[in-house]
Each structure stands twice: as C-alpha cells, then as structure tokens.
Amino acid sequence: MRRIQQSKRFSQATISKNHIYLTGQVAIDNPNGTIGEQTMEVLNRIDTLLNEAETDKKAILIANIWLRDMMDYDEMNKIWDNWIIDGYAPARACVQSVLVSSFKVEISVVAETP
C-alpha cells in the first residue's frame, strides 16, 4: 500500500493493489469562487493526484460528488462534461450536502492504477 500527500489526519490518496482512492477534493485555493471556478480547481487537483499515482482520468471507476446547493448541478456538469473524455465516463453519484467553509463542491474518485 502507498499513501500520497499523507498528513496526521488523512492521505490525499491511498493506493492499494490496483486501485487509487482519492479523498474528497475541494477548492482550497478558491473557497469563495463560483461553482464553475471551484469545480475546475477540484478537477485539476484530481488530475494532479492521479498523475502522481501514475494514472489518469480515463481510469476513474466511480466519482462521488457533493454539492452545497443542487441549483449548481447544471453549472457543475458543464465543467464536468468538458473534463471527462468521451468514452471514459465513470459511474457517478451526486448529492446535496452541507460542506465545510464556503466550499460549493467536493469530489472523490476511485480509479484503477496501471
């Protein structure tokens, strides 16, 4: 097992056998941004972590998305749909949730490793 960006409380990602589990990613650099800005930052953070684990978004098996407000669903999906590569859409769940601070979106994924 390998852990990426580990702190005392949690790791940003854990690799076990053929899977990488990413913790929920939020827009740490732009907590007051629009839903579109926050979604882009979160997806960029996911790309970075997957890259560090030597895989990419084509290998995502499932994504779990939490939105502060379901009214942001369509705007978040515009960013998501441009990010996902045609033919590689993962299984996905999206729910409304109370999020920490002013975060509008949090996304966690599980992906395969090479």
N, C-alpha and C. Protein backbone atom coordinates (compact mmCIF):
# COMPACT_ATOMS: atom_id res chain seq x y z
N MET A 1 0.84 -1.16 0.00
CA MET A 1 0.00 0.00 0.00
C MET A 1 0.89 1.24 0.00
N ARG A 2 0.45 2.26 -0.72
CA ARG A 2 1.19 3.52 -0.79
C ARG A 2 0.23 4.66 -0.53
N ARG A 3 0.70 5.66 0.19
CA ARG A 3 -0.11 6.83 0.51
C ARG A 3 0.52 8.07 -0.13
N ILE A 4 -0.33 8.95 -0.65
CA ILE A 4 0.14 10.18 -1.31
C ILE A 4 -0.30 11.37 -0.48
N GLN A 5 0.63 12.29 -0.26
CA GLN A 5 0.37 13.52 0.49
C GLN A 5 -0.31 13.22 1.82
N GLN A 6 0.37 12.41 2.61
CA GLN A 6 -0.17 11.97 3.89
C GLN A 6 0.06 13.03 4.98
N SER A 7 -0.94 13.24 5.80
CA SER A 7 -0.81 14.08 7.00
C SER A 7 -1.18 13.21 8.19
N LYS A 8 -1.17 13.80 9.37
CA LYS A 8 -1.53 13.04 10.56
C LYS A 8 -2.98 12.56 10.49
N ARG A 9 -3.86 13.38 9.87
CA ARG A 9 -5.29 13.08 9.85
C ARG A 9 -5.71 12.17 8.70
N PHE A 10 -5.16 12.41 7.50
CA PHE A 10 -5.56 11.61 6.34
C PHE A 10 -4.56 11.77 5.21
N SER A 11 -4.70 10.91 4.21
CA SER A 11 -3.89 10.99 2.99
C SER A 11 -4.78 11.54 1.87
N GLN A 12 -4.20 12.29 0.95
CA GLN A 12 -4.97 12.77 -0.20
C GLN A 12 -5.36 11.61 -1.10
N ALA A 13 -4.53 10.56 -1.10
CA ALA A 13 -4.83 9.37 -1.90
C ALA A 13 -4.15 8.16 -1.26
N THR A 14 -4.80 7.02 -1.43
CA THR A 14 -4.23 5.75 -0.98
C THR A 14 -4.29 4.78 -2.15
N ILE A 15 -3.15 4.14 -2.41
CA ILE A 15 -3.07 3.17 -3.49
C ILE A 15 -2.96 1.79 -2.85
N SER A 16 -3.86 0.91 -3.25
CA SER A 16 -3.88 -0.46 -2.74
C SER A 16 -4.09 -1.40 -3.92
N LYS A 17 -3.12 -2.26 -4.15
CA LYS A 17 -3.14 -3.19 -5.28
C LYS A 17 -3.39 -2.43 -6.57
N ASN A 18 -4.56 -2.58 -7.18
CA ASN A 18 -4.81 -1.97 -8.50
C ASN A 18 -5.72 -0.75 -8.45
N HIS A 19 -5.93 -0.19 -7.28
CA HIS A 19 -6.86 0.93 -7.16
C HIS A 19 -6.24 2.10 -6.40
N ILE A 20 -6.68 3.30 -6.77
CA ILE A 20 -6.31 4.50 -6.04
C ILE A 20 -7.61 5.14 -5.55
N TYR A 21 -7.62 5.46 -4.27
CA TYR A 21 -8.77 6.06 -3.61
C TYR A 21 -8.41 7.50 -3.25
N LEU A 22 -9.09 8.46 -3.84
CA LEU A 22 -8.83 9.86 -3.54
C LEU A 22 -9.80 10.35 -2.48
N THR A 23 -9.28 11.08 -1.52
CA THR A 23 -10.14 11.72 -0.55
C THR A 23 -10.95 12.80 -1.26
N GLY A 24 -12.01 13.27 -0.64
CA GLY A 24 -12.80 14.33 -1.24
C GLY A 24 -11.96 15.57 -1.49
N GLN A 25 -11.97 16.07 -2.71
CA GLN A 25 -11.18 17.23 -3.09
C GLN A 25 -12.08 18.46 -3.11
N VAL A 26 -11.58 19.56 -2.55
CA VAL A 26 -12.30 20.83 -2.52
C VAL A 26 -11.40 21.93 -3.07
N ALA A 27 -11.99 23.07 -3.31
CA ALA A 27 -11.26 24.21 -3.90
C ALA A 27 -10.54 25.00 -2.80
N ILE A 28 -9.46 24.44 -2.31
CA ILE A 28 -8.70 25.06 -1.22
C ILE A 28 -8.18 26.44 -1.63
N ASP A 29 -7.77 26.59 -2.89
CA ASP A 29 -7.19 27.86 -3.35
C ASP A 29 -8.23 28.93 -3.65
N ASN A 30 -9.50 28.53 -3.79
CA ASN A 30 -10.54 29.49 -4.15
C ASN A 30 -11.86 29.14 -3.45
N PRO A 31 -11.88 29.15 -2.11
CA PRO A 31 -13.08 28.73 -1.40
C PRO A 31 -14.28 29.65 -1.61
N ASN A 32 -14.06 30.84 -2.11
CA ASN A 32 -15.17 31.77 -2.35
C ASN A 32 -15.50 31.92 -3.82
N GLY A 33 -14.92 31.07 -4.66
CA GLY A 33 -15.16 31.15 -6.10
C GLY A 33 -16.55 30.67 -6.48
N THR A 34 -16.87 30.86 -7.75
CA THR A 34 -18.15 30.37 -8.29
C THR A 34 -18.12 28.85 -8.34
N ILE A 35 -19.26 28.25 -8.56
CA ILE A 35 -19.31 26.79 -8.69
C ILE A 35 -18.44 26.33 -9.85
N GLY A 36 -18.41 27.08 -10.94
CA GLY A 36 -17.57 26.72 -12.07
C GLY A 36 -16.10 26.78 -11.73
N GLU A 37 -15.68 27.86 -11.05
CA GLU A 37 -14.27 28.00 -10.65
C GLU A 37 -13.87 26.91 -9.67
N GLN A 38 -14.73 26.64 -8.71
CA GLN A 38 -14.41 25.60 -7.73
C GLN A 38 -14.35 24.22 -8.39
N THR A 39 -15.29 23.94 -9.28
CA THR A 39 -15.28 22.64 -9.95
C THR A 39 -14.00 22.45 -10.76
N MET A 40 -13.58 23.49 -11.48
CA MET A 40 -12.33 23.40 -12.26
C MET A 40 -11.14 23.12 -11.35
N GLU A 41 -11.05 23.83 -10.22
CA GLU A 41 -9.94 23.60 -9.31
C GLU A 41 -9.96 22.17 -8.77
N VAL A 42 -11.12 21.69 -8.39
CA VAL A 42 -11.23 20.33 -7.86
C VAL A 42 -10.79 19.31 -8.91
N LEU A 43 -11.26 19.47 -10.13
CA LEU A 43 -10.89 18.51 -11.18
C LEU A 43 -9.39 18.59 -11.50
N ASN A 44 -8.81 19.77 -11.43
CA ASN A 44 -7.36 19.91 -11.62
C ASN A 44 -6.61 19.21 -10.49
N ARG A 45 -7.12 19.31 -9.27
CA ARG A 45 -6.49 18.63 -8.13
C ARG A 45 -6.57 17.10 -8.33
N ILE A 46 -7.70 16.63 -8.84
CA ILE A 46 -7.85 15.19 -9.11
C ILE A 46 -6.86 14.76 -10.18
N ASP A 47 -6.74 15.54 -11.26
CA ASP A 47 -5.76 15.23 -12.30
C ASP A 47 -4.36 15.11 -11.72
N THR A 48 -3.99 16.05 -10.86
CA THR A 48 -2.65 16.07 -10.26
C THR A 48 -2.41 14.82 -9.41
N LEU A 49 -3.38 14.46 -8.59
CA LEU A 49 -3.21 13.28 -7.74
C LEU A 49 -3.17 12.00 -8.56
N LEU A 50 -4.01 11.90 -9.57
CA LEU A 50 -3.98 10.71 -10.42
C LEU A 50 -2.65 10.60 -11.15
N ASN A 51 -2.14 11.73 -11.60
CA ASN A 51 -0.83 11.76 -12.27
C ASN A 51 0.26 11.29 -11.31
N GLU A 52 0.20 11.76 -10.07
CA GLU A 52 1.20 11.34 -9.07
C GLU A 52 1.12 9.83 -8.82
N ALA A 53 -0.06 9.25 -9.00
CA ALA A 53 -0.24 7.81 -8.84
C ALA A 53 0.00 7.05 -10.14
N GLU A 54 0.48 7.77 -11.17
CA GLU A 54 0.83 7.20 -12.47
C GLU A 54 -0.38 6.65 -13.22
N THR A 55 -1.51 7.36 -13.10
CA THR A 55 -2.71 7.02 -13.86
C THR A 55 -3.37 8.32 -14.28
N ASP A 56 -4.57 8.25 -14.86
CA ASP A 56 -5.26 9.47 -15.28
C ASP A 56 -6.77 9.29 -15.23
N LYS A 57 -7.51 10.31 -15.65
CA LYS A 57 -8.97 10.29 -15.53
C LYS A 57 -9.64 9.22 -16.38
N LYS A 58 -8.95 8.67 -17.36
CA LYS A 58 -9.52 7.56 -18.13
C LYS A 58 -9.73 6.33 -17.26
N ALA A 59 -9.00 6.24 -16.16
CA ALA A 59 -9.04 5.07 -15.28
C ALA A 59 -10.03 5.22 -14.12
N ILE A 60 -10.77 6.33 -14.06
CA ILE A 60 -11.72 6.53 -12.96
C ILE A 60 -12.87 5.54 -13.08
N LEU A 61 -13.13 4.82 -12.00
CA LEU A 61 -14.21 3.84 -11.96
C LEU A 61 -15.51 4.47 -11.45
N ILE A 62 -15.39 5.31 -10.42
CA ILE A 62 -16.56 5.95 -9.82
C ILE A 62 -16.18 7.31 -9.26
N ALA A 63 -17.10 8.24 -9.36
CA ALA A 63 -16.92 9.57 -8.77
C ALA A 63 -18.12 9.84 -7.87
N ASN A 64 -17.84 10.38 -6.70
CA ASN A 64 -18.88 10.82 -5.78
C ASN A 64 -18.78 12.33 -5.67
N ILE A 65 -19.89 13.01 -5.92
CA ILE A 65 -19.90 14.47 -5.94
C ILE A 65 -20.90 14.97 -4.91
N TRP A 66 -20.44 15.92 -4.10
CA TRP A 66 -21.29 16.57 -3.12
C TRP A 66 -21.40 18.04 -3.49
N LEU A 67 -22.63 18.53 -3.59
CA LEU A 67 -22.88 19.94 -3.88
C LEU A 67 -23.56 20.59 -2.69
N ARG A 68 -23.14 21.80 -2.37
CA ARG A 68 -23.79 22.56 -1.31
C ARG A 68 -25.24 22.85 -1.70
N ASP A 69 -25.47 23.13 -2.99
CA ASP A 69 -26.79 23.52 -3.48
C ASP A 69 -27.04 22.82 -4.81
N MET A 70 -28.10 22.04 -4.89
CA MET A 70 -28.40 21.32 -6.15
C MET A 70 -28.74 22.28 -7.28
N MET A 71 -28.98 23.53 -6.99
CA MET A 71 -29.19 24.53 -8.04
C MET A 71 -27.90 24.71 -8.86
N ASP A 72 -26.76 24.28 -8.33
CA ASP A 72 -25.47 24.36 -9.03
C ASP A 72 -25.21 23.15 -9.92
N TYR A 73 -26.12 22.20 -9.95
CA TYR A 73 -25.92 20.93 -10.66
C TYR A 73 -25.60 21.14 -12.14
N ASP A 74 -26.39 21.95 -12.83
CA ASP A 74 -26.17 22.16 -14.27
C ASP A 74 -24.84 22.84 -14.56
N GLU A 75 -24.50 23.85 -13.77
CA GLU A 75 -23.23 24.57 -13.98
C GLU A 75 -22.03 23.66 -13.69
N MET A 76 -22.12 22.88 -12.62
CA MET A 76 -21.05 21.93 -12.31
C MET A 76 -20.91 20.93 -13.46
N ASN A 77 -22.03 20.45 -13.99
CA ASN A 77 -21.99 19.47 -15.08
C ASN A 77 -21.38 20.03 -16.36
N LYS A 78 -21.52 21.32 -16.62
CA LYS A 78 -20.88 21.91 -17.80
C LYS A 78 -19.36 21.73 -17.71
N ILE A 79 -18.81 21.97 -16.54
CA ILE A 79 -17.36 21.81 -16.33
C ILE A 79 -17.00 20.33 -16.38
N TRP A 80 -17.76 19.51 -15.68
CA TRP A 80 -17.52 18.06 -15.64
C TRP A 80 -17.54 17.47 -17.05
N ASP A 81 -18.57 17.81 -17.83
CA ASP A 81 -18.72 17.25 -19.17
C ASP A 81 -17.56 17.62 -20.09
N ASN A 82 -16.98 18.80 -19.92
CA ASN A 82 -15.81 19.20 -20.72
C ASN A 82 -14.54 18.51 -20.23
N TRP A 83 -14.51 18.10 -18.99
CA TRP A 83 -13.34 17.47 -18.40
C TRP A 83 -13.26 15.98 -18.74
N ILE A 84 -14.41 15.30 -18.70
CA ILE A 84 -14.45 13.86 -18.96
C ILE A 84 -14.15 13.60 -20.44
N ILE A 85 -13.36 12.59 -20.68
CA ILE A 85 -13.02 12.20 -22.06
C ILE A 85 -14.12 11.30 -22.60
N ASP A 86 -14.58 11.59 -23.81
CA ASP A 86 -15.63 10.78 -24.43
C ASP A 86 -15.25 9.30 -24.39
N GLY A 87 -16.20 8.48 -23.97
CA GLY A 87 -15.98 7.05 -23.89
C GLY A 87 -15.40 6.58 -22.56
N TYR A 88 -15.10 7.52 -21.64
CA TYR A 88 -14.49 7.16 -20.36
C TYR A 88 -15.28 7.69 -19.17
N ALA A 89 -16.58 7.92 -19.33
CA ALA A 89 -17.38 8.42 -18.22
C ALA A 89 -17.50 7.33 -17.14
N PRO A 90 -17.16 7.67 -15.90
CA PRO A 90 -17.25 6.69 -14.81
C PRO A 90 -18.67 6.58 -14.27
N ALA A 91 -18.90 5.59 -13.44
CA ALA A 91 -20.12 5.57 -12.63
C ALA A 91 -20.05 6.81 -11.74
N ARG A 92 -21.21 7.36 -11.37
CA ARG A 92 -21.18 8.63 -10.64
C ARG A 92 -22.42 8.80 -9.78
N ALA A 93 -22.23 9.42 -8.62
CA ALA A 93 -23.33 9.82 -7.75
C ALA A 93 -23.14 11.29 -7.44
N CYS A 94 -24.25 12.01 -7.29
CA CYS A 94 -24.19 13.43 -6.95
C CYS A 94 -25.33 13.73 -5.99
N VAL A 95 -24.97 14.27 -4.83
CA VAL A 95 -25.97 14.57 -3.80
C VAL A 95 -25.72 15.96 -3.22
N GLN A 96 -26.75 16.49 -2.59
CA GLN A 96 -26.61 17.76 -1.87
C GLN A 96 -26.13 17.46 -0.46
N SER A 97 -25.24 18.30 0.06
CA SER A 97 -24.67 18.08 1.37
C SER A 97 -24.20 19.39 1.98
N VAL A 98 -24.19 19.45 3.29
CA VAL A 98 -23.59 20.58 3.98
C VAL A 98 -22.08 20.40 3.89
N LEU A 99 -21.39 21.38 3.30
CA LEU A 99 -19.94 21.30 3.13
C LEU A 99 -19.25 22.27 4.07
N VAL A 100 -18.03 21.97 4.43
CA VAL A 100 -17.23 22.80 5.31
C VAL A 100 -16.93 24.14 4.64
N SER A 101 -16.84 25.18 5.43
CA SER A 101 -16.46 26.51 4.96
C SER A 101 -17.43 26.97 3.87
N SER A 102 -16.93 27.65 2.86
CA SER A 102 -17.79 28.14 1.78
C SER A 102 -17.64 27.28 0.52
N PHE A 103 -17.13 26.05 0.69
CA PHE A 103 -16.98 25.16 -0.46
C PHE A 103 -18.34 24.84 -1.06
N LYS A 104 -18.40 24.87 -2.38
CA LYS A 104 -19.65 24.60 -3.10
C LYS A 104 -19.69 23.20 -3.67
N VAL A 105 -18.50 22.56 -3.82
CA VAL A 105 -18.44 21.23 -4.42
C VAL A 105 -17.27 20.46 -3.80
N GLU A 106 -17.48 19.16 -3.64
CA GLU A 106 -16.43 18.25 -3.21
C GLU A 106 -16.57 16.99 -4.07
N ILE A 107 -15.44 16.49 -4.55
CA ILE A 107 -15.46 15.32 -5.42
C ILE A 107 -14.41 14.32 -4.95
N SER A 108 -14.82 13.07 -4.85
CA SER A 108 -13.92 11.97 -4.52
C SER A 108 -14.02 10.93 -5.64
N VAL A 109 -12.91 10.30 -5.99
CA VAL A 109 -12.93 9.28 -7.03
C VAL A 109 -12.15 8.04 -6.60
N VAL A 110 -12.50 6.94 -7.25
CA VAL A 110 -11.73 5.70 -7.17
C VAL A 110 -11.33 5.37 -8.61
N ALA A 111 -10.06 5.08 -8.81
CA ALA A 111 -9.56 4.78 -10.16
C ALA A 111 -8.67 3.55 -10.12
N GLU A 112 -8.46 2.99 -11.30
CA GLU A 112 -7.51 1.87 -11.44
C GLU A 112 -6.11 2.43 -11.61
N THR A 113 -5.14 1.66 -11.18
CA THR A 113 -3.74 2.03 -11.42
C THR A 113 -3.23 1.09 -12.49
N PRO A 114 -2.15 1.50 -13.18
CA PRO A 114 -1.62 0.64 -14.25
C PRO A 114 -1.02 -0.66 -13.69
